[in-house]
C-alpha atoms as a PDB file:
ATOM      1  CA  UNK A   1       3.527  -5.146   2.392  1.00  0.00           C
ATOM      2  CA  UNK A   2       4.720  -7.076   5.422  1.00  0.00           C
ATOM      3  CA  UNK A   3       8.002  -8.804   6.232  1.00  0.00           C
ATOM      4  CA  UNK A   4       9.080 -11.568   8.566  1.00  0.00           C
ATOM      5  CA  UNK A   5      12.892 -11.380   8.569  1.00  0.00           C
ATOM      6  CA  UNK A   6      14.365  -9.796  11.691  1.00  0.00           C
ATOM      7  CA  UNK A   7      18.026  -8.861  11.245  1.00  0.00           C
ATOM      8  CA  UNK A   8      18.849  -5.352   9.965  1.00  0.00           C
ATOM      9  CA  UNK A   9      20.257  -5.146   6.466  1.00  0.00           C
ATOM     10  CA  UNK A  10      23.486  -3.195   5.846  1.00  0.00           C
ATOM     11  CA  UNK A  11      23.812  -2.566   2.127  1.00  0.00           C
ATOM     12  CA  UNK A  12      26.721  -1.746  -0.177  1.00  0.00           C
ATOM     13  CA  UNK A  13      26.090   1.986   0.256  1.00  0.00           C
ATOM     14  CA  UNK A  14      26.732   1.595   3.993  1.00  0.00           C
ATOM     15  CA  UNK A  15      23.181   2.383   5.027  1.00  0.00           C
ATOM     16  CA  UNK A  16      21.218   0.235   7.438  1.00  0.00           C
ATOM     17  CA  UNK A  17      17.739  -0.534   6.176  1.00  0.00           C
ATOM     18  CA  UNK A  18      14.755  -2.546   7.298  1.00  0.00           C
ATOM     19  CA  UNK A  19      15.468  -6.249   7.017  1.00  0.00           C
ATOM     20  CA  UNK A  20      13.192  -6.806   4.041  1.00  0.00           C
ATOM     21  CA  UNK A  21      15.648  -4.793   1.933  1.00  0.00           C
ATOM     22  CA  UNK A  22      18.333  -7.460   1.655  1.00  0.00           C
ATOM     23  CA  UNK A  23      20.725  -6.807  -1.214  1.00  0.00           C
ATOM     24  CA  UNK A  24      22.229 -10.290  -0.920  1.00  0.00           C
ATOM     25  CA  UNK A  25      18.876 -11.949  -1.634  1.00  0.00           C
ATOM     26  CA  UNK A  26      17.781  -9.845  -4.597  1.00  0.00           C
ATOM     27  CA  UNK A  27      18.781  -9.498  -8.224  1.00  0.00           C
ATOM     28  CA  UNK A  28      20.438  -6.098  -8.800  1.00  0.00           C
ATOM     29  CA  UNK A  29      17.448  -4.590 -10.612  1.00  0.00           C
ATOM     30  CA  UNK A  30      15.041  -5.857  -7.964  1.00  0.00           C
ATOM     31  CA  UNK A  31      17.226  -4.496  -5.176  1.00  0.00           C
ATOM     32  CA  UNK A  32      17.200  -1.027  -6.744  1.00  0.00           C
ATOM     33  CA  UNK A  33      13.418  -1.195  -7.128  1.00  0.00           C
ATOM     34  CA  UNK A  34      12.892  -2.318  -3.541  1.00  0.00           C
ATOM     35  CA  UNK A  35      15.514   0.068  -2.117  1.00  0.00           C
ATOM     36  CA  UNK A  36      14.042   3.103  -3.833  1.00  0.00           C
ATOM     37  CA  UNK A  37      10.540   2.169  -2.693  1.00  0.00           C
ATOM     38  CA  UNK A  38      11.759   1.706   0.889  1.00  0.00           C
ATOM     39  CA  UNK A  39      13.849   4.884   0.918  1.00  0.00           C
ATOM     40  CA  UNK A  40      11.440   7.281  -0.785  1.00  0.00           C
ATOM     41  CA  UNK A  41       7.884   5.954  -0.413  1.00  0.00           C
ATOM     42  CA  UNK A  42       7.216   3.336   2.254  1.00  0.00           C
ATOM     43  CA  UNK A  43       6.162   4.930   5.520  1.00  0.00           C
ATOM     44  CA  UNK A  44       5.955   8.461   4.156  1.00  0.00           C
ATOM     45  CA  UNK A  45       2.610  10.181   4.794  1.00  0.00           C
ATOM     46  CA  UNK A  46       0.380  10.121   1.735  1.00  0.00           C
ATOM     47  CA  UNK A  47      -2.799  12.184   1.774  1.00  0.00           C
ATOM     48  CA  UNK A  48      -3.832  12.554  -1.862  1.00  0.00           C
ATOM     49  CA  UNK A  49      -7.028  10.594  -2.504  1.00  0.00           C
ATOM     50  CA  UNK A  50      -6.033   9.360  -5.974  1.00  0.00           C
ATOM     51  CA  UNK A  51      -2.615   8.237  -4.746  1.00  0.00           C
ATOM     52  CA  UNK A  52      -4.273   6.535  -1.783  1.00  0.00           C
ATOM     53  CA  UNK A  53      -6.739   4.817  -4.093  1.00  0.00           C
ATOM     54  CA  UNK A  54      -3.800   3.501  -6.108  1.00  0.00           C
ATOM     55  CA  UNK A  55      -2.254   2.115  -2.922  1.00  0.00           C
ATOM     56  CA  UNK A  56      -5.539   0.532  -1.837  1.00  0.00           C
ATOM     57  CA  UNK A  57      -5.775  -1.105  -5.253  1.00  0.00           C
ATOM     58  CA  UNK A  58      -2.187  -2.341  -5.373  1.00  0.00           C
ATOM     59  CA  UNK A  59      -2.315  -3.684  -1.819  1.00  0.00           C
ATOM     60  CA  UNK A  60      -5.415  -5.654  -2.823  1.00  0.00           C
ATOM     61  CA  UNK A  61      -3.664  -7.024  -5.911  1.00  0.00           C
ATOM     62  CA  UNK A  62      -0.688  -7.972  -3.737  1.00  0.00           C
ATOM     63  CA  UNK A  63      -2.787 -10.278  -1.564  1.00  0.00           C
ATOM     64  CA  UNK A  64      -1.198 -13.732  -1.789  1.00  0.00           C
ATOM     65  CA  UNK A  65       1.769 -12.439  -3.803  1.00  0.00           C
ATOM     66  CA  UNK A  66       5.136 -10.819  -3.157  1.00  0.00           C
ATOM     67  CA  UNK A  67       5.108  -7.030  -3.045  1.00  0.00           C
ATOM     68  CA  UNK A  68       8.053  -7.162  -5.422  1.00  0.00           C
ATOM     69  CA  UNK A  69       5.736  -8.622  -8.070  1.00  0.00           C
ATOM     70  CA  UNK A  70       3.518  -5.554  -7.730  1.00  0.00           C
ATOM     71  CA  UNK A  71       6.423  -3.114  -7.830  1.00  0.00           C
ATOM     72  CA  UNK A  72       7.684  -4.683 -11.046  1.00  0.00           C
ATOM     73  CA  UNK A  73       4.264  -4.237 -12.611  1.00  0.00           C
ATOM     74  CA  UNK A  74       3.290  -0.896 -11.081  1.00  0.00           C
ATOM     75  CA  UNK A  75       3.747   1.209 -14.207  1.00  0.00           C
ATOM     76  CA  UNK A  76       1.735  -1.358 -16.155  1.00  0.00           C
ATOM     77  CA  UNK A  77      -1.022  -1.116 -13.546  1.00  0.00           C
ATOM     78  CA  UNK A  78      -1.034   2.665 -13.839  1.00  0.00           C
ATOM     79  CA  UNK A  79      -1.324   2.464 -17.595  1.00  0.00           C
ATOM     80  CA  UNK A  80      -3.981  -0.245 -17.565  1.00  0.00           C
ATOM     81  CA  UNK A  81      -6.103   1.525 -14.936  1.00  0.00           C
ATOM     82  CA  UNK A  82      -5.793   5.016 -16.449  1.00  0.00           C
ATOM     83  CA  UNK A  83      -3.630   6.416 -13.676  1.00  0.00           C
ATOM     84  CA  UNK A  84      -6.066   5.094 -11.070  1.00  0.00           C
ATOM     85  CA  UNK A  85      -8.496   7.866 -11.954  1.00  0.00           C
ATOM     86  CA  UNK A  86     -11.376   7.070  -9.601  1.00  0.00           C
ATOM     87  CA  UNK A  87     -14.159   8.451 -11.799  1.00  0.00           C
ATOM     88  CA  UNK A  88     -12.887   6.757 -14.933  1.00  0.00           C
ATOM     89  CA  UNK A  89     -12.506   3.366 -13.257  1.00  0.00           C
ATOM     90  CA  UNK A  90     -15.952   3.742 -11.694  1.00  0.00           C
ATOM     91  CA  UNK A  91     -17.345   3.826 -15.239  1.00  0.00           C
ATOM     92  CA  UNK A  92     -15.588   0.645 -16.353  1.00  0.00           C
ATOM     93  CA  UNK A  93     -17.757  -2.000 -17.961  1.00  0.00           C
ATOM     94  CA  UNK A  94     -17.404  -5.701 -18.647  1.00  0.00           C
ATOM     95  CA  UNK A  95     -15.474  -4.739 -21.759  1.00  0.00           C
ATOM     96  CA  UNK A  96     -12.812  -3.178 -19.534  1.00  0.00           C
ATOM     97  CA  UNK A  97     -12.710  -6.295 -17.378  1.00  0.00           C
ATOM     98  CA  UNK A  98     -12.067  -8.334 -20.524  1.00  0.00           C
ATOM     99  CA  UNK A  99      -9.356  -5.875 -21.605  1.00  0.00           C
ATOM    100  CA  UNK A 100      -7.648  -6.099 -18.229  1.00  0.00           C
ATOM    101  CA  UNK A 101      -7.870  -9.887 -18.128  1.00  0.00           C
ATOM    102  CA  UNK A 102      -5.967  -9.906 -21.416  1.00  0.00           C
ATOM    103  CA  UNK A 103      -3.212  -7.573 -20.187  1.00  0.00           C
ATOM    104  CA  UNK A 104      -0.116  -9.633 -19.347  1.00  0.00           C
ATOM    105  CA  UNK A 105       1.497  -6.584 -17.760  1.00  0.00           C
ATOM    106  CA  UNK A 106      -0.708  -6.742 -14.666  1.00  0.00           C
ATOM    107  CA  UNK A 107      -1.937  -9.416 -12.267  1.00  0.00           C
ATOM    108  CA  UNK A 108      -4.804 -10.991 -14.186  1.00  0.00           C
ATOM    109  CA  UNK A 109      -7.126 -11.928 -11.366  1.00  0.00           C
ATOM    110  CA  UNK A 110     -10.775 -11.315 -12.197  1.00  0.00           C
ATOM    111  CA  UNK A 111     -11.899 -10.984  -8.583  1.00  0.00           C
ATOM    112  CA  UNK A 112      -9.230  -8.363  -7.879  1.00  0.00           C
ATOM    113  CA  UNK A 113      -9.960  -6.476 -11.097  1.00  0.00           C
ATOM    114  CA  UNK A 114     -13.671  -6.404 -10.303  1.00  0.00           C
ATOM    115  CA  UNK A 115     -12.865  -5.359  -6.737  1.00  0.00           C
ATOM    116  CA  UNK A 116     -10.831  -2.407  -8.027  1.00  0.00           C
ATOM    117  CA  UNK A 117     -13.798  -1.262 -10.089  1.00  0.00           C
ATOM    118  CA  UNK A 118     -16.165  -1.722  -7.145  1.00  0.00           C
ATOM    119  CA  UNK A 119     -13.751   0.195  -4.923  1.00  0.00           C
ATOM    120  CA  UNK A 120     -13.599   3.088  -7.392  1.00  0.00           C
ATOM    121  CA  UNK A 121     -17.387   3.263  -7.327  1.00  0.00           C
ATOM    122  CA  UNK A 122     -17.355   3.170  -3.531  1.00  0.00           C
ATOM    123  CA  UNK A 123     -14.748   5.951  -3.435  1.00  0.00           C
ATOM    124  CA  UNK A 124     -16.810   8.031  -5.869  1.00  0.00           C
ATOM    125  CA  UNK A 125     -19.929   7.472  -3.770  1.00  0.00           C
ATOM    126  CA  UNK A 126     -17.994   8.535  -0.693  1.00  0.00           C
ATOM    127  CA  UNK A 127     -16.975  11.780  -2.348  1.00  0.00           C
ATOM    128  CA  UNK A 128     -20.526  12.408  -3.535  1.00  0.00           C
ATOM    129  CA  UNK A 129     -21.672  12.382   0.092  1.00  0.00           C
ATOM    130  CA  UNK A 130     -19.218  15.171   0.863  1.00  0.00           C
ATOM    131  CA  UNK A 131     -16.627  12.894   2.429  1.00  0.00           C
ATOM    132  CA  UNK A 132     -13.095  12.206   1.245  1.00  0.00           C
ATOM    133  CA  UNK A 133     -11.194   8.933   0.868  1.00  0.00           C
ATOM    134  CA  UNK A 134      -8.029  10.360   2.393  1.00  0.00           C
ATOM    135  CA  UNK A 135      -9.916  11.785   5.348  1.00  0.00           C
ATOM    136  CA  UNK A 136     -11.693   8.482   5.935  1.00  0.00           C
ATOM    137  CA  UNK A 137      -8.529   6.384   5.772  1.00  0.00           C
ATOM    138  CA  UNK A 138      -6.489   8.725   7.950  1.00  0.00           C
ATOM    139  CA  UNK A 139      -9.209   8.789  10.588  1.00  0.00           C
ATOM    140  CA  UNK A 140      -7.989   5.315  11.580  1.00  0.00           C
ATOM    141  CA  UNK A 141      -4.330   6.318  12.024  1.00  0.00           C
ATOM    142  CA  UNK A 142      -3.186   5.547  15.579  1.00  0.00           C
ATOM    143  CA  UNK A 143      -1.166   7.977  17.712  1.00  0.00           C
ATOM    144  CA  UNK A 144       2.579   7.988  16.926  1.00  0.00           C
ATOM    145  CA  UNK A 145       4.557   5.280  18.714  1.00  0.00           C
ATOM    146  CA  UNK A 146       8.228   4.321  19.014  1.00  0.00           C
ATOM    147  CA  UNK A 147       9.722   2.505  16.061  1.00  0.00           C
ATOM    148  CA  UNK A 148       9.877  -1.277  16.408  1.00  0.00           C
ATOM    149  CA  UNK A 149      13.207  -2.766  17.442  1.00  0.00           C
ATOM    150  CA  UNK A 150      12.863  -5.446  14.762  1.00  0.00           C
ATOM    151  CA  UNK A 151      10.264  -6.835  12.408  1.00  0.00           C
ATOM    152  CA  UNK A 152       9.429  -9.418  15.059  1.00  0.00           C
ATOM    153  CA  UNK A 153       7.724  -6.515  16.846  1.00  0.00           C
ATOM    154  CA  UNK A 154       5.618  -5.485  13.849  1.00  0.00           C
ATOM    155  CA  UNK A 155       2.007  -6.688  13.931  1.00  0.00           C
ATOM    156  CA  UNK A 156       0.125  -7.986  10.913  1.00  0.00           C
ATOM    157  CA  UNK A 157      -3.201  -6.664  12.203  1.00  0.00           C
ATOM    158  CA  UNK A 158      -4.158  -3.989  14.724  1.00  0.00           C
ATOM    159  CA  UNK A 159      -7.460  -2.788  16.190  1.00  0.00           C
ATOM    160  CA  UNK A 160      -7.204   0.261  13.935  1.00  0.00           C
ATOM    161  CA  UNK A 161      -6.678  -1.791  10.768  1.00  0.00           C
ATOM    162  CA  UNK A 162      -9.561  -4.052  11.766  1.00  0.00           C
ATOM    163  CA  UNK A 163     -11.797  -1.022  12.252  1.00  0.00           C
ATOM    164  CA  UNK A 164     -10.668   0.446   8.921  1.00  0.00           C
ATOM    165  CA  UNK A 165     -11.403  -2.797   7.080  1.00  0.00           C
ATOM    166  CA  UNK A 166     -14.831  -3.034   8.694  1.00  0.00           C
ATOM    167  CA  UNK A 167     -15.747   0.522   7.706  1.00  0.00           C
ATOM    168  CA  UNK A 168     -14.465   0.103   4.154  1.00  0.00           C
ATOM    169  CA  UNK A 169     -16.484  -3.083   3.774  1.00  0.00           C
ATOM    170  CA  UNK A 170     -19.562  -1.275   5.067  1.00  0.00           C
ATOM    171  CA  UNK A 171     -19.051   1.350   2.384  1.00  0.00           C
ATOM    172  CA  UNK A 172     -18.769  -1.215  -0.406  1.00  0.00           C
ATOM    173  CA  UNK A 173     -15.019  -1.733  -0.681  1.00  0.00           C
ATOM    174  CA  UNK A 174     -13.704  -5.215  -1.434  1.00  0.00           C
ATOM    175  CA  UNK A 175     -10.412  -7.051  -0.880  1.00  0.00           C
ATOM    176  CA  UNK A 176      -9.395  -4.786   1.992  1.00  0.00           C
ATOM    177  CA  UNK A 177      -9.336  -7.013   5.059  1.00  0.00           C
ATOM    178  CA  UNK A 178      -7.542  -6.150   8.325  1.00  0.00           C
ATOM    179  CA  UNK A 179      -4.143  -7.415   7.110  1.00  0.00           C
ATOM    180  CA  UNK A 180      -4.349  -5.514   3.821  1.00  0.00           C
ATOM    181  CA  UNK A 181      -5.563  -2.451   5.717  1.00  0.00           C
ATOM    182  CA  UNK A 182      -2.535  -2.596   8.001  1.00  0.00           C
ATOM    183  CA  UNK A 183      -0.171  -2.966   5.038  1.00  0.00           C
ATOM    184  CA  UNK A 184      -1.839   0.140   3.604  1.00  0.00           C
ATOM    185  CA  UNK A 185      -1.290   1.984   6.885  1.00  0.00           C
ATOM    186  CA  UNK A 186       2.396   1.037   6.809  1.00  0.00           C
ATOM    187  CA  UNK A 187       2.877   2.037   3.183  1.00  0.00           C
ATOM    188  CA  UNK A 188       1.170   5.421   3.500  1.00  0.00           C
ATOM    189  CA  UNK A 189       2.729   6.617   6.736  1.00  0.00           C
ATOM    190  CA  UNK A 190      -0.252   6.153   9.027  1.00  0.00           C
ATOM    191  CA  UNK A 191       2.143   4.078  11.107  1.00  0.00           C
ATOM    192  CA  UNK A 192       5.940   4.165  11.107  1.00  0.00           C
ATOM    193  CA  UNK A 193       7.191   0.589  10.948  1.00  0.00           C
ATOM    194  CA  UNK A 194      10.715   1.360   9.815  1.00  0.00           C
ATOM    195  CA  UNK A 195      12.834  -0.388  12.413  1.00  0.00           C
ATOM    196  CA  UNK A 196      14.710   1.659  14.998  1.00  0.00           C
ATOM    197  CA  UNK A 197      18.078   1.156  13.287  1.00  0.00           C
ATOM    198  CA  UNK A 198      16.845   2.042   9.787  1.00  0.00           C
ATOM    199  CA  UNK A 199      18.460   5.124   8.270  1.00  0.00           C
ATOM    200  CA  UNK A 200      15.177   6.626   6.977  1.00  0.00           C
ATOM    201  CA  UNK A 201      14.448   9.651   9.191  1.00  0.00           C
ATOM    202  CA  UNK A 202      11.633   9.080  11.644  1.00  0.00           C
ATOM    203  CA  UNK A 203      10.176  12.445  10.710  1.00  0.00           C
ATOM    204  CA  UNK A 204       9.114  10.949   7.381  1.00  0.00           C
ATOM    205  CA  UNK A 205       6.312   9.146   9.124  1.00  0.00           C
ATOM    206  CA  UNK A 206       6.005  10.327  12.693  1.00  0.00           C
ATOM    207  CA  UNK A 207       6.179  14.095  12.794  1.00  0.00           C
ATOM    208  CA  UNK A 208       4.254  14.674   9.568  1.00  0.00           C
ATOM    209  CA  UNK A 209       1.458  12.337  10.560  1.00  0.00           C
ATOM    210  CA  UNK A 210      -0.595  14.942  12.365  1.00  0.00           C
ATOM    211  CA  UNK A 211       0.462  17.929  10.299  1.00  0.00           C
END
């Protein structure tokens, strides 16, 4: 998930948040959804392989869409993809693809559905070699850096995200290019792109990163 607006957003609760959380531009229900995601998930270190696989999958589905669309449908995605159980998805067949293409609760994009299945198989293969998806992804996390002053200072791609995307592609993953890889790094706390004036404590992403 990336954003382009630059001014900080001061909400009705008095807290300053990253500019992409703009209460004035969102319907009340969407603001709550976005706010809670920003306050409790985005930028917090995530090291569980299944949870990371879910994020990889959802970031891929988000490609070309608003992240808000994915947040609205996230519970439907979890239901449709059996909690993003890697082994179960790795065993999906064409019948499952047909089932998912008929599910109005998710993003019905065949290429992205098939990529999720391929990625589950790649993640399972990775584990079978004695490696771990979380360990692989976190190996590309850069050293901690100061928070950006504004979203104008936030990159869309970095050398680390480019290297991550290249390695994932080599291992059989699909729909995880450098931009998607960087969005994944932001979402899972590998980088802390909360802006300097955001109320979310920096320790959520920075100090835990190397713990």
